[in-house]
PDB file of N, CA and C in Angstrom:
ATOM      1  N   MET A   1     106.294 114.145 130.756  1.00  0.00           N
ATOM      2  CA  MET A   1     106.539 113.296 130.589  1.00  0.00           C
ATOM      3  C   MET A   1     105.515 112.218 129.943  1.00  0.00           C
ATOM      4  N   ARG A   2     106.234 111.474 129.180  1.00  0.00           N
ATOM      5  CA  ARG A   2     104.875 110.486 128.719  1.00  0.00           C
ATOM      6  C   ARG A   2     105.583 109.043 128.725  1.00  0.00           C
ATOM      7  N   ILE A   3     105.161 107.827 129.185  1.00  0.00           N
ATOM      8  CA  ILE A   3     105.636 106.644 129.254  1.00  0.00           C
ATOM      9  C   ILE A   3     105.709 105.966 127.645  1.00  0.00           C
ATOM     10  N   GLU A   4     106.707 105.740 127.383  1.00  0.00           N
ATOM     11  CA  GLU A   4     106.460 105.313 125.941  1.00  0.00           C
ATOM     12  C   GLU A   4     105.857 103.744 125.524  1.00  0.00           C
ATOM     13  N   HIS A   5     106.688 103.035 126.286  1.00  0.00           N
ATOM     14  CA  HIS A   5     105.504 101.292 126.576  1.00  0.00           C
ATOM     15  C   HIS A   5     105.967 100.499 127.836  1.00  0.00           C
ATOM     16  N   VAL A   6     105.112  99.675 127.988  1.00  0.00           N
ATOM     17  CA  VAL A   6     105.443  98.669 129.068  1.00  0.00           C
ATOM     18  C   VAL A   6     105.479  97.110 128.420  1.00  0.00           C
ATOM     19  N   ALA A   7     106.804  96.862 129.106  1.00  0.00           N
ATOM     20  CA  ALA A   7     107.294  95.439 128.421  1.00  0.00           C
ATOM     21  C   ALA A   7     106.968  94.188 129.487  1.00  0.00           C
ATOM     22  N   ILE A   8     106.747  93.177 129.425  1.00  0.00           N
ATOM     23  CA  ILE A   8     106.590  92.267 129.959  1.00  0.00           C
ATOM     24  C   ILE A   8     107.138  90.675 129.417  1.00  0.00           C
ATOM     25  N   TRP A   9     107.796  89.867 130.095  1.00  0.00           N
ATOM     26  CA  TRP A   9     108.261  88.306 129.838  1.00  0.00           C
ATOM     27  C   TRP A   9     107.153  87.987 129.867  1.00  0.00           C
ATOM     28  N   VAL A  10     107.226  86.840 128.844  1.00  0.00           N
ATOM     29  CA  VAL A  10     106.228  85.980 128.595  1.00  0.00           C
ATOM     30  C   VAL A  10     106.366  84.430 128.103  1.00  0.00           C
ATOM     31  N   LYS A  11     105.865  83.682 128.443  1.00  0.00           N
ATOM     32  CA  LYS A  11     106.175  82.007 128.264  1.00  0.00           C
ATOM     33  C   LYS A  11     105.623  81.652 126.627  1.00  0.00           C
ATOM     34  N   ASP A  12     104.973  82.109 126.065  1.00  0.00           N
ATOM     35  CA  ASP A  12     104.167  81.778 124.992  1.00  0.00           C
ATOM     36  C   ASP A  12     103.830  83.004 124.069  1.00  0.00           C
ATOM     37  N   ILE A  13     104.850  83.569 123.523  1.00  0.00           N
ATOM     38  CA  ILE A  13     104.951  84.536 122.933  1.00  0.00           C
ATOM     39  C   ILE A  13     103.747  84.761 121.520  1.00  0.00           C
ATOM     40  N   GLU A  14     103.571  83.839 120.759  1.00  0.00           N
ATOM     41  CA  GLU A  14     102.590  83.718 120.214  1.00  0.00           C
ATOM     42  C   GLU A  14     101.161  83.781 120.518  1.00  0.00           C
ATOM     43  N   ALA A  15     100.974  82.981 121.802  1.00  0.00           N
ATOM     44  CA  ALA A  15      99.599  83.008 122.176  1.00  0.00           C
ATOM     45  C   ALA A  15      99.223  84.323 122.788  1.00  0.00           C
ATOM     46  N   MET A  16     100.188  85.225 123.624  1.00  0.00           N
ATOM     47  CA  MET A  16     100.227  86.375 123.966  1.00  0.00           C
ATOM     48  C   MET A  16      99.917  87.521 123.143  1.00  0.00           C
ATOM     49  N   LYS A  17     100.260  87.220 121.715  1.00  0.00           N
ATOM     50  CA  LYS A  17     100.121  88.259 120.827  1.00  0.00           C
ATOM     51  C   LYS A  17      98.997  88.296 120.427  1.00  0.00           C
ATOM     52  N   LYS A  18      98.292  86.630 120.269  1.00  0.00           N
ATOM     53  CA  LYS A  18      96.773  86.378 119.861  1.00  0.00           C
ATOM     54  C   LYS A  18      96.223  86.985 120.835  1.00  0.00           C
ATOM     55  N   PHE A  19      96.147  87.010 121.981  1.00  0.00           N
ATOM     56  CA  PHE A  19      95.227  87.229 123.159  1.00  0.00           C
ATOM     57  C   PHE A  19      94.900  88.779 123.233  1.00  0.00           C
ATOM     58  N   TYR A  20      95.988  89.537 122.906  1.00  0.00           N
ATOM     59  CA  TYR A  20      96.156  91.131 122.741  1.00  0.00           C
ATOM     60  C   TYR A  20      95.536  91.830 121.400  1.00  0.00           C
ATOM     61  N   VAL A  21      96.012  90.913 120.382  1.00  0.00           N
ATOM     62  CA  VAL A  21      95.600  90.824 119.191  1.00  0.00           C
ATOM     63  C   VAL A  21      94.095  90.870 119.174  1.00  0.00           C
ATOM     64  N   THR A  22      93.476  89.907 119.593  1.00  0.00           N
ATOM     65  CA  THR A  22      92.069  89.602 119.309  1.00  0.00           C
ATOM     66  C   THR A  22      91.330  90.306 119.995  1.00  0.00           C
ATOM     67  N   TYR A  23      91.558  90.556 121.554  1.00  0.00           N
ATOM     68  CA  TYR A  23      90.337  90.940 122.646  1.00  0.00           C
ATOM     69  C   TYR A  23      90.751  92.573 122.559  1.00  0.00           C
ATOM     70  N   PHE A  24      91.615  93.126 122.698  1.00  0.00           N
ATOM     71  CA  PHE A  24      92.148  94.808 123.010  1.00  0.00           C
ATOM     72  C   PHE A  24      92.686  95.295 121.443  1.00  0.00           C
ATOM     73  N   ASN A  25      92.514  94.490 120.189  1.00  0.00           N
ATOM     74  CA  ASN A  25      92.667  95.608 118.922  1.00  0.00           C
ATOM     75  C   ASN A  25      94.091  95.472 118.750  1.00  0.00           C
ATOM     76  N   GLY A  26      94.902  95.120 119.374  1.00  0.00           N
ATOM     77  CA  GLY A  26      96.272  95.283 119.245  1.00  0.00           C
ATOM     78  C   GLY A  26      96.875  95.159 117.885  1.00  0.00           C
ATOM     79  N   LYS A  27      97.740  96.212 117.772  1.00  0.00           N
ATOM     80  CA  LYS A  27      98.396  96.007 116.040  1.00  0.00           C
ATOM     81  C   LYS A  27      99.988  95.240 116.153  1.00  0.00           C
ATOM     82  N   ALA A  28     100.216  94.291 115.743  1.00  0.00           N
ATOM     83  CA  ALA A  28     101.654  93.883 116.292  1.00  0.00           C
ATOM     84  C   ALA A  28     102.772  94.338 115.054  1.00  0.00           C
ATOM     85  N   ASN A  29     104.029  94.496 115.397  1.00  0.00           N
ATOM     86  CA  ASN A  29     105.362  95.072 114.640  1.00  0.00           C
ATOM     87  C   ASN A  29     105.192  93.558 113.815  1.00  0.00           C
ATOM     88  N   GLU A  30     106.522  93.427 112.939  1.00  0.00           N
ATOM     89  CA  GLU A  30     106.937  92.436 112.831  1.00  0.00           C
ATOM     90  C   GLU A  30     107.877  91.604 114.180  1.00  0.00           C
ATOM     91  N   LYS A  31     107.629  90.284 114.126  1.00  0.00           N
ATOM     92  CA  LYS A  31     108.648  89.883 115.438  1.00  0.00           C
ATOM     93  C   LYS A  31     109.732  90.388 115.317  1.00  0.00           C
ATOM     94  N   TYR A  32     110.721  90.909 116.345  1.00  0.00           N
ATOM     95  CA  TYR A  32     112.071  90.495 116.400  1.00  0.00           C
ATOM     96  C   TYR A  32     112.417  89.498 116.997  1.00  0.00           C
ATOM     97  N   HIS A  33     113.834  89.001 116.016  1.00  0.00           N
ATOM     98  CA  HIS A  33     114.350  87.613 116.858  1.00  0.00           C
ATOM     99  C   HIS A  33     116.157  87.776 116.429  1.00  0.00           C
ATOM    100  N   ASN A  34     116.487  87.856 117.852  1.00  0.00           N
ATOM    101  CA  ASN A  34     117.722  87.963 118.113  1.00  0.00           C
ATOM    102  C   ASN A  34     118.510  86.185 118.301  1.00  0.00           C
ATOM    103  N   LYS A  35     118.915  85.705 117.399  1.00  0.00           N
ATOM    104  CA  LYS A  35     119.462  84.314 117.454  1.00  0.00           C
ATOM    105  C   LYS A  35     120.520  84.052 118.412  1.00  0.00           C
ATOM    106  N   ASP A  36     121.028  85.139 118.335  1.00  0.00           N
ATOM    107  CA  ASP A  36     122.533  84.993 119.555  1.00  0.00           C
ATOM    108  C   ASP A  36     122.046  84.963 120.964  1.00  0.00           C
ATOM    109  N   LYS A  37     121.258  85.633 120.889  1.00  0.00           N
ATOM    110  CA  LYS A  37     121.008  85.699 122.610  1.00  0.00           C
ATOM    111  C   LYS A  37     119.241  85.269 122.829  1.00  0.00           C
ATOM    112  N   GLU A  38     118.695  84.345 121.943  1.00  0.00           N
ATOM    113  CA  GLU A  38     117.763  83.730 121.996  1.00  0.00           C
ATOM    114  C   GLU A  38     116.413  84.673 122.403  1.00  0.00           C
ATOM    115  N   PHE A  39     116.249  85.917 122.026  1.00  0.00           N
ATOM    116  CA  PHE A  39     115.356  86.751 122.666  1.00  0.00           C
ATOM    117  C   PHE A  39     114.358  86.768 120.963  1.00  0.00           C
ATOM    118  N   GLN A  40     113.148  87.221 121.884  1.00  0.00           N
ATOM    119  CA  GLN A  40     111.866  87.694 120.775  1.00  0.00           C
ATOM    120  C   GLN A  40     111.017  88.551 121.261  1.00  0.00           C
ATOM    121  N   SER A  41     110.913  89.461 120.117  1.00  0.00           N
ATOM    122  CA  SER A  41     109.649  90.304 121.202  1.00  0.00           C
ATOM    123  C   SER A  41     108.666  91.210 120.036  1.00  0.00           C
ATOM    124  N   TYR A  42     107.637  91.316 120.400  1.00  0.00           N
ATOM    125  CA  TYR A  42     106.696  92.328 119.457  1.00  0.00           C
ATOM    126  C   TYR A  42     106.596  93.589 120.179  1.00  0.00           C
ATOM    127  N   PHE A  43     105.897  94.301 119.292  1.00  0.00           N
ATOM    128  CA  PHE A  43     105.639  95.781 119.697  1.00  0.00           C
ATOM    129  C   PHE A  43     103.912  95.688 119.733  1.00  0.00           C
ATOM    130  N   LEU A  44     103.230  95.633 120.491  1.00  0.00           N
ATOM    131  CA  LEU A  44     101.568  95.726 120.216  1.00  0.00           C
ATOM    132  C   LEU A  44     101.125  97.422 120.415  1.00  0.00           C
ATOM    133  N   THR A  45     100.396  97.878 119.424  1.00  0.00           N
ATOM    134  CA  THR A  45      99.996  99.388 119.362  1.00  0.00           C
ATOM    135  C   THR A  45      98.765  99.112 120.061  1.00  0.00           C
ATOM    136  N   PHE A  46      98.123  99.812 120.548  1.00  0.00           N
ATOM    137  CA  PHE A  46      96.485 100.229 120.526  1.00  0.00           C
ATOM    138  C   PHE A  46      96.299 101.428 120.378  1.00  0.00           C
ATOM    139  N   ASP A  47      95.011 101.348 120.193  1.00  0.00           N
ATOM    140  CA  ASP A  47      93.883 102.315 120.273  1.00  0.00           C
ATOM    141  C   ASP A  47      94.509 103.597 120.857  1.00  0.00           C
ATOM    142  N   GLY A  48      94.563 104.774 120.680  1.00  0.00           N
ATOM    143  CA  GLY A  48      95.218 106.090 121.597  1.00  0.00           C
ATOM    144  C   GLY A  48      96.732 105.813 121.754  1.00  0.00           C
ATOM    145  N   GLY A  49      97.580 105.089 121.336  1.00  0.00           N
ATOM    146  CA  GLY A  49      98.772 105.096 121.118  1.00  0.00           C
ATOM    147  C   GLY A  49      99.706 104.597 122.094  1.00  0.00           C
ATOM    148  N   ALA A  50      99.144 103.881 123.256  1.00  0.00           N
ATOM    149  CA  ALA A  50      99.809 102.912 124.283  1.00  0.00           C
ATOM    150  C   ALA A  50      99.960 102.438 123.142  1.00  0.00           C
ATOM    151  N   ARG A  51     101.516 101.584 123.872  1.00  0.00           N
ATOM    152  CA  ARG A  51     102.426 100.228 123.576  1.00  0.00           C
ATOM    153  C   ARG A  51     102.694  99.445 124.330  1.00  0.00           C
ATOM    154  N   LEU A  52     102.546  97.875 124.244  1.00  0.00           N
ATOM    155  CA  LEU A  52     102.908  96.981 125.021  1.00  0.00           C
ATOM    156  C   LEU A  52     103.752  96.202 124.451  1.00  0.00           C
ATOM    157  N   GLU A  53     105.173  95.989 124.635  1.00  0.00           N
ATOM    158  CA  GLU A  53     105.905  94.863 124.520  1.00  0.00           C
ATOM    159  C   GLU A  53     105.909  93.790 124.908  1.00  0.00           C
ATOM    160  N   ILE A  54     105.760  92.636 124.027  1.00  0.00           N
ATOM    161  CA  ILE A  54     105.897  91.254 124.852  1.00  0.00           C
ATOM    162  C   ILE A  54     107.151  90.421 124.612  1.00  0.00           C
ATOM    163  N   MET A  55     107.719  89.988 125.441  1.00  0.00           N
ATOM    164  CA  MET A  55     109.033  89.605 125.158  1.00  0.00           C
ATOM    165  C   MET A  55     109.513  88.096 125.761  1.00  0.00           C
ATOM    166  N   CYS A  56     110.347  87.154 125.146  1.00  0.00           N
ATOM    167  CA  CYS A  56     110.218  85.889 125.622  1.00  0.00           C
ATOM    168  C   CYS A  56     111.837  85.815 125.189  1.00  0.00           C
ATOM    169  N   LYS A  57     112.428  84.625 126.111  1.00  0.00           N
ATOM    170  CA  LYS A  57     113.849  84.458 126.216  1.00  0.00           C
ATOM    171  C   LYS A  57     114.023  83.235 126.464  1.00  0.00           C
ATOM    172  N   THR A  58     114.848  82.426 125.960  1.00  0.00           N
ATOM    173  CA  THR A  58     115.435  81.136 126.785  1.00  0.00           C
ATOM    174  C   THR A  58     115.928  81.011 127.798  1.00  0.00           C
ATOM    175  N   GLY A  59     115.744  80.976 128.885  1.00  0.00           N
ATOM    176  CA  GLY A  59     116.050  80.562 130.165  1.00  0.00           C
ATOM    177  C   GLY A  59     115.362  81.575 131.316  1.00  0.00           C
ATOM    178  N   ILE A  60     114.427  82.258 130.591  1.00  0.00           N
ATOM    179  CA  ILE A  60     113.896  83.285 131.721  1.00  0.00           C
ATOM    180  C   ILE A  60     112.861  82.433 132.116  1.00  0.00           C
ATOM    181  N   ASP A  61     112.637  81.753 133.834  1.00  0.00           N
ATOM    182  CA  ASP A  61     111.696  81.486 134.577  1.00  0.00           C
ATOM    183  C   ASP A  61     111.878  81.890 135.977  1.00  0.00           C
ATOM    184  N   LYS A  62     110.674  82.584 135.975  1.00  0.00           N
ATOM    185  CA  LYS A  62     110.470  83.419 137.177  1.00  0.00           C
ATOM    186  C   LYS A  62     109.385  82.290 137.811  1.00  0.00           C
ATOM    187  N   PRO A  63     109.431  82.132 139.190  1.00  0.00           N
ATOM    188  CA  PRO A  63     108.392  81.502 139.955  1.00  0.00           C
ATOM    189  C   PRO A  63     106.814  82.321 139.828  1.00  0.00           C
ATOM    190  N   SER A  64     105.680  81.599 139.538  1.00  0.00           N
ATOM    191  CA  SER A  64     104.823  82.238 139.998  1.00  0.00           C
ATOM    192  C   SER A  64     104.333  82.134 141.258  1.00  0.00           C
ATOM    193  N   GLN A  65     103.723  83.771 141.573  1.00  0.00           N
ATOM    194  CA  GLN A  65     103.534  84.092 143.142  1.00  0.00           C
ATOM    195  C   GLN A  65     102.387  85.292 142.862  1.00  0.00           C
ATOM    196  N   ASP A  66     101.423  85.176 143.487  1.00  0.00           N
ATOM    197  CA  ASP A  66     100.082  86.005 143.424  1.00  0.00           C
ATOM    198  C   ASP A  66     100.673  87.316 143.903  1.00  0.00           C
ATOM    199  N   ASP A  67     101.552  87.576 145.100  1.00  0.00           N
ATOM    200  CA  ASP A  67     101.977  89.280 145.226  1.00  0.00           C
ATOM    201  C   ASP A  67     103.207  89.062 145.311  1.00  0.00           C
ATOM    202  N   ARG A  68     103.798  90.153 144.768  1.00  0.00           N
ATOM    203  CA  ARG A  68     105.454  90.173 144.560  1.00  0.00           C
ATOM    204  C   ARG A  68     105.802  91.562 144.370  1.00  0.00           C
ATOM    205  N   ILE A  69     106.989  92.144 144.237  1.00  0.00           N
ATOM    206  CA  ILE A  69     107.384  93.225 144.416  1.00  0.00           C
ATOM    207  C   ILE A  69     107.666  93.483 142.939  1.00  0.00           C
ATOM    208  N   GLY A  70     106.996  94.630 142.375  1.00  0.00           N
ATOM    209  CA  GLY A  70     106.929  95.445 140.561  1.00  0.00           C
ATOM    210  C   GLY A  70     105.543  95.428 140.085  1.00  0.00           C
ATOM    211  N   TRP A  71     105.365  95.043 138.810  1.00  0.00           N
ATOM    212  CA  TRP A  71     104.071  96.089 138.628  1.00  0.00           C
ATOM    213  C   TRP A  71     102.800  94.952 138.915  1.00  0.00           C
ATOM    214  N   ALA A  72     102.235  95.658 139.322  1.00  0.00           N
ATOM    215  CA  ALA A  72     100.537  94.293 140.218  1.00  0.00           C
ATOM    216  C   ALA A  72     100.045  94.110 138.853  1.00  0.00           C
ATOM    217  N   HIS A  73      99.583  95.266 137.942  1.00  0.00           N
ATOM    218  CA  HIS A  73      98.725  95.114 136.772  1.00  0.00           C
ATOM    219  C   HIS A  73      99.065  95.962 135.555  1.00  0.00           C
ATOM    220  N   ILE A  74      98.268  95.919 134.424  1.00  0.00           N
ATOM    221  CA  ILE A  74      98.020  97.070 133.476  1.00  0.00           C
ATOM    222  C   ILE A  74      96.682  97.072 133.181  1.00  0.00           C
ATOM    223  N   ALA A  75      96.361  98.652 133.539  1.00  0.00           N
ATOM    224  CA  ALA A  75      94.977  98.931 133.302  1.00  0.00           C
ATOM    225  C   ALA A  75      94.768  99.499 132.078  1.00  0.00           C
ATOM    226  N   ILE A  76      93.675  98.632 131.228  1.00  0.00           N
ATOM    227  CA  ILE A  76      93.123  99.193 130.200  1.00  0.00           C
ATOM    228  C   ILE A  76      91.788 100.013 130.126  1.00  0.00           C
ATOM    229  N   SER A  77      91.811 101.042 129.537  1.00  0.00           N
ATOM    230  CA  SER A  77      90.472 101.863 129.242  1.00  0.00           C
ATOM    231  C   SER A  77      89.736 101.632 128.370  1.00  0.00           C
ATOM    232  N   LEU A  78      88.802 101.205 128.410  1.00  0.00           N
ATOM    233  CA  LEU A  78      87.828 100.503 127.243  1.00  0.00           C
ATOM    234  C   LEU A  78      86.415 101.660 127.184  1.00  0.00           C
ATOM    235  N   GLY A  79      86.487 102.556 128.012  1.00  0.00           N
ATOM    236  CA  GLY A  79      85.864 103.773 127.320  1.00  0.00           C
ATOM    237  C   GLY A  79      84.285 104.236 127.837  1.00  0.00           C
ATOM    238  N   SER A  80      83.748 102.604 128.319  1.00  0.00           N
ATOM    239  CA  SER A  80      82.566 103.200 129.103  1.00  0.00           C
ATOM    240  C   SER A  80      82.340 101.803 130.123  1.00  0.00           C
ATOM    241  N   ARG A  81      80.873 101.727 130.793  1.00  0.00           N
ATOM    242  CA  ARG A  81      80.814 100.723 131.919  1.00  0.00           C
ATOM    243  C   ARG A  81      80.408  99.662 130.678  1.00  0.00           C
ATOM    244  N   GLU A  82      79.629 100.019 130.250  1.00  0.00           N
ATOM    245  CA  GLU A  82      79.106  98.726 129.090  1.00  0.00           C
ATOM    246  C   GLU A  82      80.195  97.887 128.477  1.00  0.00           C
ATOM    247  N   SER A  83      81.405  98.696 128.059  1.00  0.00           N
ATOM    248  CA  SER A  83      82.400  98.072 127.363  1.00  0.00           C
ATOM    249  C   SER A  83      83.250  96.988 128.344  1.00  0.00           C
ATOM    250  N   VAL A  84      83.174  97.842 129.542  1.00  0.00           N
ATOM    251  CA  VAL A  84      83.846  97.026 130.706  1.00  0.00           C
ATOM    252  C   VAL A  84      82.965  95.529 130.991  1.00  0.00           C
ATOM    253  N   ASP A  85      81.758  95.268 130.852  1.00  0.00           N
ATOM    254  CA  ASP A  85      80.715  94.721 131.171  1.00  0.00           C
ATOM    255  C   ASP A  85      80.837  93.522 129.973  1.00  0.00           C
ATOM    256  N   GLN A  86      81.020  93.914 128.746  1.00  0.00           N
ATOM    257  CA  GLN A  86      80.879  93.207 127.125  1.00  0.00           C
ATOM    258  C   GLN A  86      82.216  92.399 127.622  1.00  0.00           C
ATOM    259  N   THR A  87      83.356  93.176 127.746  1.00  0.00           N
ATOM    260  CA  THR A  87      84.573  92.543 127.510  1.00  0.00           C
ATOM    261  C   THR A  87      84.903  91.576 128.339  1.00  0.00           C
ATOM    262  N   THR A  88      84.586  91.972 129.719  1.00  0.00           N
ATOM    263  CA  THR A  88      84.917  90.918 130.994  1.00  0.00           C
ATOM    264  C   THR A  88      83.689  89.764 129.882  1.00  0.00           C
ATOM    265  N   ALA A  89      82.621  89.499 130.219  1.00  0.00           N
ATOM    266  CA  ALA A  89      81.964  88.507 130.288  1.00  0.00           C
ATOM    267  C   ALA A  89      82.506  87.967 128.831  1.00  0.00           C
ATOM    268  N   HIS A  90      82.956  88.318 127.792  1.00  0.00           N
ATOM    269  CA  HIS A  90      83.486  87.921 126.559  1.00  0.00           C
ATOM    270  C   HIS A  90      84.795  87.158 127.157  1.00  0.00           C
ATOM    271  N   LEU A  91      85.727  87.554 127.559  1.00  0.00           N
ATOM    272  CA  LEU A  91      86.720  87.082 127.946  1.00  0.00           C
ATOM    273  C   LEU A  91      86.680  85.813 129.122  1.00  0.00           C
ATOM    274  N   GLN A  92      85.662  86.365 129.802  1.00  0.00           N
ATOM    275  CA  GLN A  92      85.042  85.079 130.819  1.00  0.00           C
ATOM    276  C   GLN A  92      84.581  83.554 129.734  1.00  0.00           C
ATOM    277  N   ASN A  93      83.614  84.308 129.306  1.00  0.00           N
ATOM    278  CA  ASN A  93      83.025  82.835 128.171  1.00  0.00           C
ATOM    279  C   ASN A  93      84.172  82.201 127.349  1.00  0.00           C
ATOM    280  N   ASN A  94      85.372  83.196 127.032  1.00  0.00           N
ATOM    281  CA  ASN A  94      86.212  82.420 126.516  1.00  0.00           C
ATOM    282  C   ASN A  94      87.435  81.627 127.357  1.00  0.00           C
ATOM    283  N   GLY A  95      86.922  81.231 128.562  1.00  0.00           N
ATOM    284  CA  GLY A  95      87.901  80.621 129.547  1.00  0.00           C
ATOM    285  C   GLY A  95      88.961  81.412 130.184  1.00  0.00           C
ATOM    286  N   PHE A  96      89.003  82.799 130.029  1.00  0.00           N
ATOM    287  CA  PHE A  96      90.124  83.511 131.177  1.00  0.00           C
ATOM    288  C   PHE A  96      89.416  83.833 132.214  1.00  0.00           C
ATOM    289  N   ARG A  97      90.418  83.704 133.384  1.00  0.00           N
ATOM    290  CA  ARG A  97      89.927  83.776 134.664  1.00  0.00           C
ATOM    291  C   ARG A  97      89.642  85.168 135.284  1.00  0.00           C
ATOM    292  N   LEU A  98      88.105  85.033 135.485  1.00  0.00           N
ATOM    293  CA  LEU A  98      87.764  86.627 136.240  1.00  0.00           C
ATOM    294  C   LEU A  98      88.193  86.677 137.865  1.00  0.00           C
ATOM    295  N   VAL A  99      88.869  87.251 138.205  1.00  0.00           N
ATOM    296  CA  VAL A  99      89.515  87.696 139.611  1.00  0.00           C
ATOM    297  C   VAL A  99      88.806  88.823 140.339  1.00  0.00           C
ATOM    298  N   ASN A 100      88.157  89.637 139.705  1.00  0.00           N
ATOM    299  CA  ASN A 100      86.908  90.441 140.612  1.00  0.00           C
ATOM    300  C   ASN A 100      86.164  91.298 139.703  1.00  0.00           C
ATOM    301  N   GLY A 101      84.774  91.500 139.892  1.00  0.00           N
ATOM    302  CA  GLY A 101      84.419  92.927 139.413  1.00  0.00           C
ATOM    303  C   GLY A 101      83.146  92.114 138.103  1.00  0.00           C
ATOM    304  N   PRO A 102      82.938  92.938 137.489  1.00  0.00           N
ATOM    305  CA  PRO A 102      83.308  94.168 136.972  1.00  0.00           C
ATOM    306  C   PRO A 102      82.283  94.981 138.839  1.00  0.00           C
ATOM    307  N   ARG A 103      82.778  95.747 139.149  1.00  0.00           N
ATOM    308  CA  ARG A 103      82.538  96.429 140.433  1.00  0.00           C
ATOM    309  C   ARG A 103      82.903  98.347 140.414  1.00  0.00           C
ATOM    310  N   VAL A 104      82.437  98.910 141.339  1.00  0.00           N
ATOM    311  CA  VAL A 104      82.889 100.347 141.449  1.00  0.00           C
ATOM    312  C   VAL A 104      83.984  99.963 142.828  1.00  0.00           C
ATOM    313  N   THR A 105      85.234 100.433 142.885  1.00  0.00           N
ATOM    314  CA  THR A 105      85.776 100.418 143.719  1.00  0.00           C
ATOM    315  C   THR A 105      85.785 101.380 144.879  1.00  0.00           C
ATOM    316  N   GLY A 106      86.520 101.286 146.056  1.00  0.00           N
ATOM    317  CA  GLY A 106      86.580 102.413 147.152  1.00  0.00           C
ATOM    318  C   GLY A 106      87.176 103.152 146.703  1.00  0.00           C
ATOM    319  N   ASP A 107      87.820 103.683 145.600  1.00  0.00           N
ATOM    320  CA  ASP A 107      88.464 104.812 145.126  1.00  0.00           C
ATOM    321  C   ASP A 107      87.457 105.343 143.920  1.00  0.00           C
ATOM    322  N   GLY A 108      86.430 104.719 143.424  1.00  0.00           N
ATOM    323  CA  GLY A 108      85.427 105.394 142.816  1.00  0.00           C
ATOM    324  C   GLY A 108      85.383 104.549 141.123  1.00  0.00           C
ATOM    325  N   TYR A 109      86.582 103.826 140.988  1.00  0.00           N
ATOM    326  CA  TYR A 109      86.769 103.352 139.821  1.00  0.00           C
ATOM    327  C   TYR A 109      85.673 102.526 139.213  1.00  0.00           C
ATOM    328  N   TYR A 110      85.091 102.226 137.896  1.00  0.00           N
ATOM    329  CA  TYR A 110      84.335 100.997 137.577  1.00  0.00           C
ATOM    330  C   TYR A 110      85.050  99.757 136.775  1.00  0.00           C
ATOM    331  N   GLU A 111      85.552  98.844 137.611  1.00  0.00           N
ATOM    332  CA  GLU A 111      86.710  98.342 136.798  1.00  0.00           C
ATOM    333  C   GLU A 111      86.056  96.355 136.910  1.00  0.00           C
ATOM    334  N   SER A 112      86.793  95.753 136.317  1.00  0.00           N
ATOM    335  CA  SER A 112      86.721  94.364 136.702  1.00  0.00           C
ATOM    336  C   SER A 112      88.283  93.743 136.543  1.00  0.00           C
ATOM    337  N   VAL A 113      89.052  92.811 137.070  1.00  0.00           N
ATOM    338  CA  VAL A 113      90.302  92.416 136.996  1.00  0.00           C
ATOM    339  C   VAL A 113      90.148  90.757 136.579  1.00  0.00           C
ATOM    340  N   ILE A 114      90.736  90.640 135.117  1.00  0.00           N
ATOM    341  CA  ILE A 114      91.063  89.328 134.650  1.00  0.00           C
ATOM    342  C   ILE A 114      92.362  88.943 134.295  1.00  0.00           C
ATOM    343  N   GLU A 115      92.448  87.528 134.587  1.00  0.00           N
ATOM    344  CA  GLU A 115      94.101  87.099 133.719  1.00  0.00           C
ATOM    345  C   GLU A 115      94.290  87.080 132.269  1.00  0.00           C
ATOM    346  N   ASP A 116      95.410  87.256 131.889  1.00  0.00           N
ATOM    347  CA  ASP A 116      95.761  86.986 130.753  1.00  0.00           C
ATOM    348  C   ASP A 116      95.653  85.495 130.637  1.00  0.00           C
ATOM    349  N   PRO A 117      96.867  84.698 129.264  1.00  0.00           N
ATOM    350  CA  PRO A 117      96.725  83.654 129.247  1.00  0.00           C
ATOM    351  C   PRO A 117      98.009  82.886 130.197  1.00  0.00           C
ATOM    352  N   GLU A 118      98.889  84.125 130.629  1.00  0.00           N
ATOM    353  CA  GLU A 118     100.128  83.431 131.489  1.00  0.00           C
ATOM    354  C   GLU A 118      99.584  84.336 133.078  1.00  0.00           C
ATOM    355  N   GLY A 119      98.341  84.577 133.009  1.00  0.00           N
ATOM    356  CA  GLY A 119      98.346  84.879 134.652  1.00  0.00           C
ATOM    357  C   GLY A 119      98.537  86.370 135.343  1.00  0.00           C
ATOM    358  N   ASN A 120      98.825  87.208 134.284  1.00  0.00           N
ATOM    359  CA  ASN A 120      99.208  88.408 134.737  1.00  0.00           C
ATOM    360  C   ASN A 120      97.570  89.368 134.676  1.00  0.00           C
ATOM    361  N   LEU A 121      97.723  90.120 135.594  1.00  0.00           N
ATOM    362  CA  LEU A 121      96.313  91.032 135.801  1.00  0.00           C
ATOM    363  C   LEU A 121      96.160  91.809 134.949  1.00  0.00           C
ATOM    364  N   LEU A 122      95.106  92.189 134.282  1.00  0.00           N
ATOM    365  CA  LEU A 122      94.494  93.129 133.469  1.00  0.00           C
ATOM    366  C   LEU A 122      93.349  94.087 134.095  1.00  0.00           C
ATOM    367  N   GLU A 123      93.242  95.021 134.394  1.00  0.00           N
ATOM    368  CA  GLU A 123      92.270  95.559 135.014  1.00  0.00           C
ATOM    369  C   GLU A 123      91.653  96.664 133.984  1.00  0.00           C
ATOM    370  N   LEU A 124      90.352  96.190 133.670  1.00  0.00           N
ATOM    371  CA  LEU A 124      89.712  96.638 132.517  1.00  0.00           C
ATOM    372  C   LEU A 124      88.758  97.733 133.327  1.00  0.00           C
ATOM    373  N   THR A 125      88.512  99.086 132.787  1.00  0.00           N
ATOM    374  CA  THR A 125      88.187 100.128 133.536  1.00  0.00           C
ATOM    375  C   THR A 125      87.353 101.315 132.256  1.00  0.00           C
ATOM    376  N   VAL A 126      86.974 101.999 133.032  1.00  0.00           N
ATOM    377  CA  VAL A 126      86.280 103.082 131.548  1.00  0.00           C
ATOM    378  C   VAL A 126      87.354 103.777 131.335  1.00  0.00           C
TER     379      VAL A 126
END
């Protein structure tokens, strides 16, 4: 089995596309727009083949809360501790909230956790 892609609802599809393209070298397809359903999406493809679908739709409004049932975070492997440190510092210097790290976790991962522009958690790891 292979997970084909992960999808996330977003408020500002263009800002989220820019974030993942700028900081994680994502390649975006042409925007899909279904005017009847007021739905828009991009598929972002990353080195190694991982794909993220960012979607927005009129009327999608979920209250924000830190802990909720569902996906907790997306983990992005950057290949080295140095890359984790550099990317974390770069994101933090550009105003993105660092939740924790960089650090070695209890289960041995080297990671930091940062929020994307809409507060979704990204675990940056080796």
